[in-house]
Amino acid sequence: MAGATAVIEIERYEAQTVIPVEMSSRTTARHRDGILTRMAVHSSPETIREVLTATHTWAVVGCSPDPRRDSHRIAHLLQSRGFRVIPVNPNVDEALGERCYSTLSEIPKSEGVEVVDIFRRADRAGVHVDEAIAAGARAVWTQLGVIDEAAGQRALDAGLLVVMNRYPAIELPRLAAA
């Protein structure tokens, strides 16, 4: 239509007050209705760096003995980079040369699990996050596509580091290049 004019409605921008929080895994945001709420802060470059450089023992939940599976490849990558990997899979006795445990709670405390790496569907991840909290892990890591914000918040509230929806095979080279 020649001569037609389009009208675009632009939403008014409202500046948000940022409240600095030092050394915290949470921050505060103001929603449009003016209510202050806590939001989970996870997967920051600093958190990823800390998990990948300051931990040694990882429990890999859903670790497959099949080398074609992502869980197997990532666990093998972690092993090749010097991490101790403890596979968790109720259907397997051994994976990657390590005894496989049926659940996180079966892993003896003496093994010193620091990170729980979760290769399960997002709707099952929360159960394993809760197990990681109960086991005294230092961090939880969920793989690409595994997002459970409520479980992440529980882990943050319990003092764990949280990396969500990330892949160590991408983050390790990124870290080395930095």
N, C-alpha and C. Protein backbone atom coordinates (compact mmCIF):
# COMPACT_ATOMS: atom_id res chain seq x y z
N MET A 1 0.84 -1.17 0.00
CA MET A 1 0.00 0.00 0.00
C MET A 1 0.89 1.23 0.00
N ALA A 2 0.79 1.99 -1.06
CA ALA A 2 1.57 3.21 -1.17
C ALA A 2 1.07 4.24 -0.18
N GLY A 3 1.99 4.88 0.49
CA GLY A 3 1.65 5.96 1.41
C GLY A 3 1.18 5.48 2.78
N ALA A 4 1.18 4.18 3.05
CA ALA A 4 0.75 3.68 4.36
C ALA A 4 1.82 3.96 5.40
N THR A 5 1.41 4.25 6.59
CA THR A 5 2.33 4.53 7.68
C THR A 5 2.17 3.45 8.74
N ALA A 6 3.28 2.90 9.16
CA ALA A 6 3.24 1.89 10.21
C ALA A 6 3.42 2.56 11.56
N VAL A 7 2.68 2.12 12.53
CA VAL A 7 2.81 2.64 13.88
C VAL A 7 3.43 1.54 14.73
N ILE A 8 4.54 1.87 15.34
CA ILE A 8 5.24 0.91 16.19
C ILE A 8 5.13 1.39 17.62
N GLU A 9 4.62 0.54 18.46
CA GLU A 9 4.51 0.89 19.86
C GLU A 9 5.81 0.51 20.57
N ILE A 10 6.39 1.46 21.25
CA ILE A 10 7.65 1.22 21.95
C ILE A 10 7.37 1.25 23.44
N GLU A 11 7.79 0.20 24.09
CA GLU A 11 7.60 0.11 25.53
C GLU A 11 8.57 1.06 26.22
N ARG A 12 8.10 1.75 27.23
CA ARG A 12 8.93 2.70 27.97
C ARG A 12 9.99 1.96 28.76
N TYR A 13 11.22 2.42 28.64
CA TYR A 13 12.33 1.82 29.37
C TYR A 13 12.36 2.36 30.79
N GLU A 14 12.46 1.47 31.75
CA GLU A 14 12.59 1.88 33.14
C GLU A 14 13.93 1.39 33.65
N ALA A 15 14.73 2.31 34.13
CA ALA A 15 16.04 1.94 34.67
C ALA A 15 15.83 1.10 35.92
N GLN A 16 16.67 0.09 36.07
CA GLN A 16 16.60 -0.76 37.26
C GLN A 16 17.75 -0.42 38.17
N THR A 17 17.47 -0.45 39.43
CA THR A 17 18.52 -0.22 40.41
C THR A 17 19.27 -1.51 40.61
N VAL A 18 20.57 -1.45 40.49
CA VAL A 18 21.39 -2.63 40.73
C VAL A 18 22.00 -2.50 42.11
N ILE A 19 21.75 -3.48 42.92
CA ILE A 19 22.29 -3.48 44.27
C ILE A 19 23.52 -4.37 44.27
N PRO A 20 24.72 -3.79 44.50
CA PRO A 20 25.92 -4.62 44.47
C PRO A 20 25.92 -5.65 45.59
N VAL A 21 26.30 -6.86 45.24
CA VAL A 21 26.41 -7.93 46.22
C VAL A 21 27.78 -8.54 46.06
N GLU A 22 28.61 -8.38 47.06
CA GLU A 22 29.97 -8.90 46.98
C GLU A 22 30.02 -10.36 47.36
N MET A 23 30.74 -11.14 46.58
CA MET A 23 31.01 -12.55 46.88
C MET A 23 29.73 -13.32 47.17
N SER A 24 28.70 -13.06 46.40
CA SER A 24 27.44 -13.75 46.62
C SER A 24 27.05 -14.51 45.37
N SER A 25 26.31 -15.59 45.55
CA SER A 25 25.82 -16.34 44.41
C SER A 25 24.40 -15.89 44.06
N ARG A 26 23.93 -14.86 44.73
CA ARG A 26 22.59 -14.35 44.44
C ARG A 26 22.67 -12.85 44.22
N THR A 27 21.69 -12.32 43.52
CA THR A 27 21.57 -10.89 43.34
C THR A 27 20.11 -10.53 43.48
N THR A 28 19.81 -9.23 43.52
CA THR A 28 18.44 -8.77 43.69
C THR A 28 18.02 -8.01 42.45
N ALA A 29 16.82 -8.22 42.00
CA ALA A 29 16.30 -7.50 40.83
C ALA A 29 14.93 -6.95 41.17
N ARG A 30 14.55 -5.86 40.52
CA ARG A 30 13.25 -5.26 40.74
C ARG A 30 12.37 -5.58 39.53
N HIS A 31 11.28 -6.28 39.77
CA HIS A 31 10.33 -6.59 38.70
C HIS A 31 9.49 -5.36 38.41
N ARG A 32 8.78 -5.38 37.31
CA ARG A 32 7.95 -4.24 36.90
C ARG A 32 6.96 -3.81 37.98
N ASP A 33 6.49 -4.74 38.78
CA ASP A 33 5.52 -4.38 39.81
C ASP A 33 6.20 -3.80 41.05
N GLY A 34 7.52 -3.63 41.00
CA GLY A 34 8.24 -2.99 42.09
C GLY A 34 8.67 -3.92 43.20
N ILE A 35 8.40 -5.20 43.09
CA ILE A 35 8.74 -6.15 44.15
C ILE A 35 10.17 -6.62 43.95
N LEU A 36 10.93 -6.56 45.03
CA LEU A 36 12.30 -7.07 44.98
C LEU A 36 12.28 -8.57 45.12
N THR A 37 13.03 -9.27 44.27
CA THR A 37 13.09 -10.72 44.34
C THR A 37 14.53 -11.16 44.19
N ARG A 38 14.82 -12.37 44.66
CA ARG A 38 16.14 -12.98 44.48
C ARG A 38 16.13 -13.78 43.20
N MET A 39 17.21 -13.70 42.45
CA MET A 39 17.35 -14.51 41.24
C MET A 39 18.61 -15.34 41.38
N ALA A 40 18.56 -16.57 40.90
CA ALA A 40 19.74 -17.41 40.91
C ALA A 40 20.77 -16.85 39.93
N VAL A 41 22.00 -16.80 40.38
CA VAL A 41 23.10 -16.40 39.52
C VAL A 41 24.03 -17.60 39.43
N HIS A 42 24.15 -18.13 38.25
CA HIS A 42 24.99 -19.30 38.07
C HIS A 42 25.65 -19.23 36.72
N SER A 43 26.57 -20.10 36.49
CA SER A 43 27.21 -20.28 35.19
C SER A 43 28.02 -19.07 34.76
N SER A 44 28.43 -18.25 35.69
CA SER A 44 29.27 -17.11 35.33
C SER A 44 30.65 -17.63 34.92
N PRO A 45 31.40 -16.86 34.15
CA PRO A 45 32.76 -17.29 33.80
C PRO A 45 33.61 -17.59 35.03
N GLU A 46 33.41 -16.82 36.08
CA GLU A 46 34.19 -17.05 37.31
C GLU A 46 33.83 -18.39 37.95
N THR A 47 32.52 -18.70 37.96
CA THR A 47 32.07 -19.97 38.54
C THR A 47 32.60 -21.14 37.72
N ILE A 48 32.50 -21.03 36.41
CA ILE A 48 33.00 -22.10 35.53
C ILE A 48 34.48 -22.30 35.75
N ARG A 49 35.24 -21.20 35.81
CA ARG A 49 36.68 -21.28 36.04
C ARG A 49 36.98 -21.98 37.37
N GLU A 50 36.27 -21.60 38.42
CA GLU A 50 36.52 -22.21 39.73
C GLU A 50 36.22 -23.71 39.72
N VAL A 51 35.09 -24.09 39.13
CA VAL A 51 34.73 -25.51 39.10
C VAL A 51 35.76 -26.31 38.31
N LEU A 52 36.24 -25.75 37.21
CA LEU A 52 37.17 -26.49 36.35
C LEU A 52 38.63 -26.43 36.81
N THR A 53 38.96 -25.50 37.69
CA THR A 53 40.36 -25.40 38.13
C THR A 53 40.58 -25.76 39.60
N ALA A 54 39.54 -25.70 40.40
CA ALA A 54 39.73 -25.92 41.84
C ALA A 54 39.07 -27.19 42.35
N THR A 55 38.67 -28.07 41.45
CA THR A 55 38.08 -29.34 41.86
C THR A 55 38.84 -30.49 41.20
N HIS A 56 38.69 -31.67 41.76
CA HIS A 56 39.39 -32.83 41.22
C HIS A 56 38.47 -34.03 41.00
N THR A 57 37.50 -34.25 41.90
CA THR A 57 36.70 -35.47 41.85
C THR A 57 35.27 -35.16 41.44
N TRP A 58 34.88 -35.75 40.30
CA TRP A 58 33.55 -35.53 39.72
C TRP A 58 32.77 -36.84 39.69
N ALA A 59 31.53 -36.81 40.19
CA ALA A 59 30.60 -37.91 40.01
C ALA A 59 29.79 -37.57 38.77
N VAL A 60 29.74 -38.48 37.81
CA VAL A 60 29.01 -38.24 36.56
C VAL A 60 27.74 -39.09 36.58
N VAL A 61 26.62 -38.43 36.85
CA VAL A 61 25.32 -39.10 36.95
C VAL A 61 24.78 -39.35 35.54
N GLY A 62 24.50 -40.61 35.25
CA GLY A 62 24.03 -40.99 33.93
C GLY A 62 25.17 -41.36 33.00
N CYS A 63 26.33 -41.64 33.58
CA CYS A 63 27.51 -42.00 32.78
C CYS A 63 27.26 -43.34 32.07
N SER A 64 27.43 -43.32 30.77
CA SER A 64 27.19 -44.51 29.96
C SER A 64 28.51 -45.21 29.64
N PRO A 65 28.47 -46.54 29.56
CA PRO A 65 29.67 -47.26 29.12
C PRO A 65 29.86 -47.19 27.60
N ASP A 66 28.87 -46.66 26.89
CA ASP A 66 28.89 -46.59 25.43
C ASP A 66 29.69 -45.37 24.98
N PRO A 67 30.83 -45.57 24.30
CA PRO A 67 31.68 -44.44 23.88
C PRO A 67 31.00 -43.47 22.92
N ARG A 68 29.87 -43.86 22.35
CA ARG A 68 29.15 -42.96 21.44
C ARG A 68 28.28 -41.96 22.19
N ARG A 69 28.07 -42.18 23.48
CA ARG A 69 27.20 -41.30 24.28
C ARG A 69 27.98 -40.11 24.83
N ASP A 70 27.30 -38.96 24.88
CA ASP A 70 27.95 -37.74 25.39
C ASP A 70 28.47 -37.92 26.81
N SER A 71 27.71 -38.60 27.65
CA SER A 71 28.13 -38.77 29.04
C SER A 71 29.46 -39.52 29.12
N HIS A 72 29.63 -40.50 28.27
CA HIS A 72 30.88 -41.27 28.24
C HIS A 72 32.02 -40.38 27.73
N ARG A 73 31.75 -39.66 26.64
CA ARG A 73 32.80 -38.81 26.05
C ARG A 73 33.26 -37.72 27.02
N ILE A 74 32.32 -37.09 27.71
CA ILE A 74 32.69 -36.03 28.65
C ILE A 74 33.44 -36.61 29.84
N ALA A 75 32.97 -37.74 30.37
CA ALA A 75 33.67 -38.37 31.49
C ALA A 75 35.09 -38.75 31.07
N HIS A 76 35.24 -39.26 29.86
CA HIS A 76 36.57 -39.62 29.36
C HIS A 76 37.43 -38.37 29.19
N LEU A 77 36.84 -37.29 28.68
CA LEU A 77 37.58 -36.03 28.55
C LEU A 77 38.06 -35.54 29.91
N LEU A 78 37.17 -35.59 30.90
CA LEU A 78 37.56 -35.16 32.25
C LEU A 78 38.72 -36.02 32.77
N GLN A 79 38.61 -37.33 32.57
CA GLN A 79 39.71 -38.22 32.99
C GLN A 79 41.01 -37.83 32.30
N SER A 80 40.95 -37.58 31.00
CA SER A 80 42.16 -37.25 30.24
C SER A 80 42.77 -35.92 30.68
N ARG A 81 41.98 -35.09 31.32
CA ARG A 81 42.47 -33.79 31.82
C ARG A 81 42.88 -33.87 33.29
N GLY A 82 42.91 -35.08 33.84
CA GLY A 82 43.41 -35.27 35.20
C GLY A 82 42.36 -35.29 36.28
N PHE A 83 41.09 -35.23 35.93
CA PHE A 83 40.03 -35.30 36.93
C PHE A 83 39.76 -36.75 37.29
N ARG A 84 39.40 -37.00 38.51
CA ARG A 84 38.93 -38.31 38.94
C ARG A 84 37.45 -38.37 38.64
N VAL A 85 37.01 -39.38 37.90
CA VAL A 85 35.61 -39.53 37.53
C VAL A 85 35.04 -40.76 38.21
N ILE A 86 33.90 -40.56 38.88
CA ILE A 86 33.17 -41.66 39.50
C ILE A 86 31.83 -41.77 38.78
N PRO A 87 31.65 -42.83 37.97
CA PRO A 87 30.40 -42.98 37.23
C PRO A 87 29.23 -43.37 38.14
N VAL A 88 28.05 -42.82 37.82
CA VAL A 88 26.83 -43.15 38.54
C VAL A 88 25.80 -43.58 37.50
N ASN A 89 25.43 -44.86 37.57
CA ASN A 89 24.45 -45.42 36.64
C ASN A 89 23.97 -46.74 37.24
N PRO A 90 22.68 -46.85 37.56
CA PRO A 90 22.18 -48.06 38.22
C PRO A 90 22.22 -49.32 37.35
N ASN A 91 22.46 -49.17 36.05
CA ASN A 91 22.42 -50.32 35.14
C ASN A 91 23.80 -50.83 34.75
N VAL A 92 24.85 -50.27 35.35
CA VAL A 92 26.21 -50.59 34.92
C VAL A 92 27.08 -50.87 36.15
N ASP A 93 27.97 -51.86 36.05
CA ASP A 93 28.89 -52.16 37.14
C ASP A 93 30.20 -51.37 37.04
N GLU A 94 30.61 -51.08 35.80
CA GLU A 94 31.88 -50.39 35.59
C GLU A 94 31.79 -49.53 34.33
N ALA A 95 32.45 -48.39 34.36
CA ALA A 95 32.56 -47.53 33.18
C ALA A 95 33.88 -46.79 33.27
N LEU A 96 34.56 -46.68 32.15
CA LEU A 96 35.84 -45.96 32.07
C LEU A 96 36.87 -46.47 33.08
N GLY A 97 36.81 -47.77 33.36
CA GLY A 97 37.77 -48.37 34.28
C GLY A 97 37.50 -48.08 35.75
N GLU A 98 36.35 -47.53 36.05
CA GLU A 98 35.98 -47.18 37.43
C GLU A 98 34.73 -47.94 37.84
N ARG A 99 34.63 -48.25 39.13
CA ARG A 99 33.41 -48.85 39.65
C ARG A 99 32.28 -47.86 39.45
N CYS A 100 31.14 -48.36 39.04
CA CYS A 100 29.97 -47.53 38.81
C CYS A 100 29.01 -47.71 39.99
N TYR A 101 28.53 -46.60 40.53
CA TYR A 101 27.59 -46.64 41.65
C TYR A 101 26.17 -46.44 41.12
N SER A 102 25.21 -47.02 41.82
CA SER A 102 23.80 -46.90 41.42
C SER A 102 23.24 -45.51 41.69
N THR A 103 23.66 -44.92 42.80
CA THR A 103 23.18 -43.58 43.19
C THR A 103 24.35 -42.80 43.79
N LEU A 104 24.17 -41.51 43.88
CA LEU A 104 25.18 -40.68 44.54
C LEU A 104 25.36 -41.06 46.00
N SER A 105 24.24 -41.40 46.65
CA SER A 105 24.32 -41.73 48.08
C SER A 105 25.13 -42.99 48.36
N GLU A 106 25.32 -43.85 47.35
CA GLU A 106 26.14 -45.06 47.53
C GLU A 106 27.63 -44.77 47.50
N ILE A 107 28.02 -43.63 46.97
CA ILE A 107 29.45 -43.31 46.89
C ILE A 107 29.95 -42.99 48.29
N PRO A 108 30.98 -43.69 48.75
CA PRO A 108 31.51 -43.42 50.10
C PRO A 108 32.01 -41.98 50.22
N LYS A 109 31.77 -41.37 51.37
CA LYS A 109 32.24 -39.99 51.63
C LYS A 109 33.74 -39.89 51.43
N SER A 110 34.45 -41.00 51.70
CA SER A 110 35.91 -41.00 51.56
C SER A 110 36.38 -40.73 50.13
N GLU A 111 35.49 -40.90 49.15
CA GLU A 111 35.83 -40.62 47.75
C GLU A 111 35.96 -39.12 47.49
N GLY A 112 35.34 -38.33 48.35
CA GLY A 112 35.50 -36.88 48.26
C GLY A 112 34.92 -36.25 47.01
N VAL A 113 33.69 -36.61 46.65
CA VAL A 113 33.05 -36.03 45.46
C VAL A 113 32.91 -34.52 45.65
N GLU A 114 33.45 -33.77 44.69
CA GLU A 114 33.37 -32.31 44.74
C GLU A 114 32.32 -31.76 43.78
N VAL A 115 32.21 -32.38 42.61
CA VAL A 115 31.29 -31.91 41.58
C VAL A 115 30.38 -33.06 41.17
N VAL A 116 29.10 -32.76 41.04
CA VAL A 116 28.15 -33.72 40.52
C VAL A 116 27.73 -33.22 39.14
N ASP A 117 28.14 -33.97 38.12
CA ASP A 117 27.87 -33.64 36.72
C ASP A 117 26.65 -34.45 36.30
N ILE A 118 25.58 -33.76 35.86
CA ILE A 118 24.29 -34.42 35.65
C ILE A 118 23.97 -34.57 34.17
N PHE A 119 23.91 -35.83 33.73
CA PHE A 119 23.50 -36.19 32.37
C PHE A 119 22.13 -36.86 32.46
N ARG A 120 21.15 -36.13 32.87
CA ARG A 120 19.77 -36.62 32.94
C ARG A 120 18.86 -35.56 32.37
N ARG A 121 17.64 -35.94 32.03
CA ARG A 121 16.67 -34.96 31.53
C ARG A 121 16.43 -33.88 32.58
N ALA A 122 16.06 -32.71 32.11
CA ALA A 122 15.84 -31.57 33.01
C ALA A 122 14.81 -31.89 34.09
N ASP A 123 13.79 -32.68 33.75
CA ASP A 123 12.76 -32.99 34.74
C ASP A 123 13.24 -33.96 35.82
N ARG A 124 14.42 -34.54 35.64
CA ARG A 124 15.01 -35.44 36.65
C ARG A 124 16.22 -34.81 37.34
N ALA A 125 16.68 -33.70 36.84
CA ALA A 125 17.91 -33.09 37.36
C ALA A 125 17.78 -32.67 38.82
N GLY A 126 16.61 -32.16 39.20
CA GLY A 126 16.42 -31.67 40.57
C GLY A 126 16.67 -32.72 41.63
N VAL A 127 16.29 -33.95 41.35
CA VAL A 127 16.52 -35.06 42.29
C VAL A 127 18.02 -35.21 42.54
N HIS A 128 18.79 -35.13 41.47
CA HIS A 128 20.24 -35.31 41.60
C HIS A 128 20.92 -34.09 42.22
N VAL A 129 20.37 -32.92 42.00
CA VAL A 129 20.88 -31.72 42.67
C VAL A 129 20.67 -31.88 44.17
N ASP A 130 19.50 -32.35 44.57
CA ASP A 130 19.22 -32.56 45.99
C ASP A 130 20.16 -33.61 46.58
N GLU A 131 20.45 -34.67 45.81
CA GLU A 131 21.41 -35.68 46.26
C GLU A 131 22.81 -35.08 46.41
N ALA A 132 23.17 -34.18 45.49
CA ALA A 132 24.49 -33.53 45.57
C ALA A 132 24.59 -32.68 46.83
N ILE A 133 23.52 -31.98 47.15
CA ILE A 133 23.50 -31.17 48.37
C ILE A 133 23.67 -32.08 49.58
N ALA A 134 22.90 -33.17 49.63
CA ALA A 134 22.97 -34.11 50.76
C ALA A 134 24.34 -34.77 50.87
N ALA A 135 24.99 -34.99 49.72
CA ALA A 135 26.30 -35.65 49.71
C ALA A 135 27.43 -34.70 50.10
N GLY A 136 27.14 -33.42 50.21
CA GLY A 136 28.18 -32.46 50.58
C GLY A 136 29.07 -32.06 49.43
N ALA A 137 28.56 -32.16 48.20
CA ALA A 137 29.35 -31.75 47.04
C ALA A 137 29.60 -30.25 47.10
N ARG A 138 30.61 -29.83 46.39
CA ARG A 138 30.96 -28.41 46.32
C ARG A 138 30.25 -27.71 45.16
N ALA A 139 29.90 -28.47 44.12
CA ALA A 139 29.30 -27.88 42.92
C ALA A 139 28.43 -28.88 42.20
N VAL A 140 27.49 -28.35 41.41
CA VAL A 140 26.72 -29.16 40.48
C VAL A 140 26.89 -28.56 39.09
N TRP A 141 26.92 -29.43 38.09
CA TRP A 141 27.09 -29.02 36.70
C TRP A 141 26.03 -29.77 35.91
N THR A 142 25.20 -29.05 35.15
CA THR A 142 24.24 -29.72 34.28
C THR A 142 24.63 -29.46 32.84
N GLN A 143 24.41 -30.44 32.01
CA GLN A 143 24.84 -30.40 30.62
C GLN A 143 23.91 -29.55 29.76
N LEU A 144 24.32 -29.34 28.52
CA LEU A 144 23.53 -28.55 27.58
C LEU A 144 22.09 -29.05 27.54
N GLY A 145 21.15 -28.14 27.64
CA GLY A 145 19.74 -28.49 27.59
C GLY A 145 19.15 -28.90 28.91
N VAL A 146 19.97 -29.07 29.93
CA VAL A 146 19.48 -29.48 31.25
C VAL A 146 19.38 -28.23 32.12
N ILE A 147 18.16 -27.72 32.22
CA ILE A 147 17.92 -26.47 32.95
C ILE A 147 16.82 -26.70 33.96
N ASP A 148 17.13 -26.46 35.23
CA ASP A 148 16.15 -26.52 36.31
C ASP A 148 16.51 -25.41 37.28
N GLU A 149 15.92 -24.23 37.06
CA GLU A 149 16.26 -23.06 37.86
C GLU A 149 15.94 -23.25 39.34
N ALA A 150 14.84 -23.92 39.65
CA ALA A 150 14.48 -24.15 41.05
C ALA A 150 15.55 -25.00 41.75
N ALA A 151 16.00 -26.05 41.08
CA ALA A 151 17.05 -26.90 41.65
C ALA A 151 18.35 -26.11 41.77
N GLY A 152 18.65 -25.30 40.77
CA GLY A 152 19.85 -24.46 40.83
C GLY A 152 19.80 -23.52 42.02
N GLN A 153 18.63 -22.95 42.28
CA GLN A 153 18.48 -22.05 43.42
C GLN A 153 18.67 -22.80 44.74
N ARG A 154 18.13 -24.03 44.82
CA ARG A 154 18.34 -24.83 46.03
C ARG A 154 19.82 -25.07 46.27
N ALA A 155 20.54 -25.38 45.19
CA ALA A 155 21.97 -25.63 45.32
C ALA A 155 22.70 -24.35 45.75
N LEU A 156 22.35 -23.22 45.15
CA LEU A 156 22.97 -21.95 45.55
C LEU A 156 22.68 -21.64 47.01
N ASP A 157 21.43 -21.85 47.42
CA ASP A 157 21.05 -21.59 48.81
C ASP A 157 21.82 -22.49 49.78
N ALA A 158 22.19 -23.68 49.31
CA ALA A 158 22.96 -24.61 50.15
C ALA A 158 24.46 -24.32 50.09
N GLY A 159 24.86 -23.33 49.29
CA GLY A 159 26.26 -22.93 49.24
C GLY A 159 27.07 -23.60 48.14
N LEU A 160 26.40 -24.31 47.22
CA LEU A 160 27.13 -24.96 46.13
C LEU A 160 27.34 -23.99 44.98
N LEU A 161 28.38 -24.23 44.22
CA LEU A 161 28.57 -23.55 42.94
C LEU A 161 27.67 -24.24 41.94
N VAL A 162 27.13 -23.49 40.99
CA VAL A 162 26.21 -24.06 40.02
C VAL A 162 26.61 -23.63 38.61
N VAL A 163 26.79 -24.63 37.75
CA VAL A 163 26.99 -24.40 36.32
C VAL A 163 25.88 -25.17 35.64
N MET A 164 25.07 -24.45 34.85
CA MET A 164 23.90 -25.07 34.25
C MET A 164 23.89 -24.83 32.74
N ASN A 165 23.48 -25.88 32.02
CA ASN A 165 23.31 -25.77 30.57
C ASN A 165 24.65 -25.49 29.89
N ARG A 166 25.70 -26.13 30.35
CA ARG A 166 27.04 -25.93 29.79
C ARG A 166 27.68 -27.29 29.53
N TYR A 167 28.72 -27.26 28.72
CA TYR A 167 29.39 -28.48 28.28
C TYR A 167 30.89 -28.35 28.58
N PRO A 168 31.45 -29.21 29.42
CA PRO A 168 32.88 -29.11 29.72
C PRO A 168 33.76 -29.17 28.47
N ALA A 169 33.31 -29.88 27.44
CA ALA A 169 34.11 -29.98 26.20
C ALA A 169 34.23 -28.62 25.51
N ILE A 170 33.32 -27.72 25.78
CA ILE A 170 33.40 -26.35 25.24
C ILE A 170 34.13 -25.45 26.23
N GLU A 171 33.83 -25.60 27.51
CA GLU A 171 34.36 -24.69 28.52
C GLU A 171 35.85 -24.92 28.82
N LEU A 172 36.32 -26.16 28.78
CA LEU A 172 37.75 -26.41 29.04
C LEU A 172 38.65 -25.73 28.03
N PRO A 173 38.41 -25.87 26.71
CA PRO A 173 39.24 -25.15 25.74
C PRO A 173 39.11 -23.63 25.85
N ARG A 174 37.92 -23.17 26.15
CA ARG A 174 37.70 -21.72 26.34
C ARG A 174 38.54 -21.21 27.49
N LEU A 175 38.57 -22.00 28.57
CA LEU A 175 39.35 -21.64 29.75
C LEU A 175 40.84 -21.62 29.43
N ALA A 176 41.30 -22.60 28.66
CA ALA A 176 42.72 -22.68 28.30
C ALA A 176 43.14 -21.53 27.40
N ALA A 177 42.21 -21.03 26.60
CA ALA A 177 42.51 -19.94 25.68
C ALA A 177 42.53 -18.58 26.37
N ALA A 178 41.92 -18.50 27.54
CA ALA A 178 41.83 -17.22 28.24
C ALA A 178 43.12 -16.80 28.89
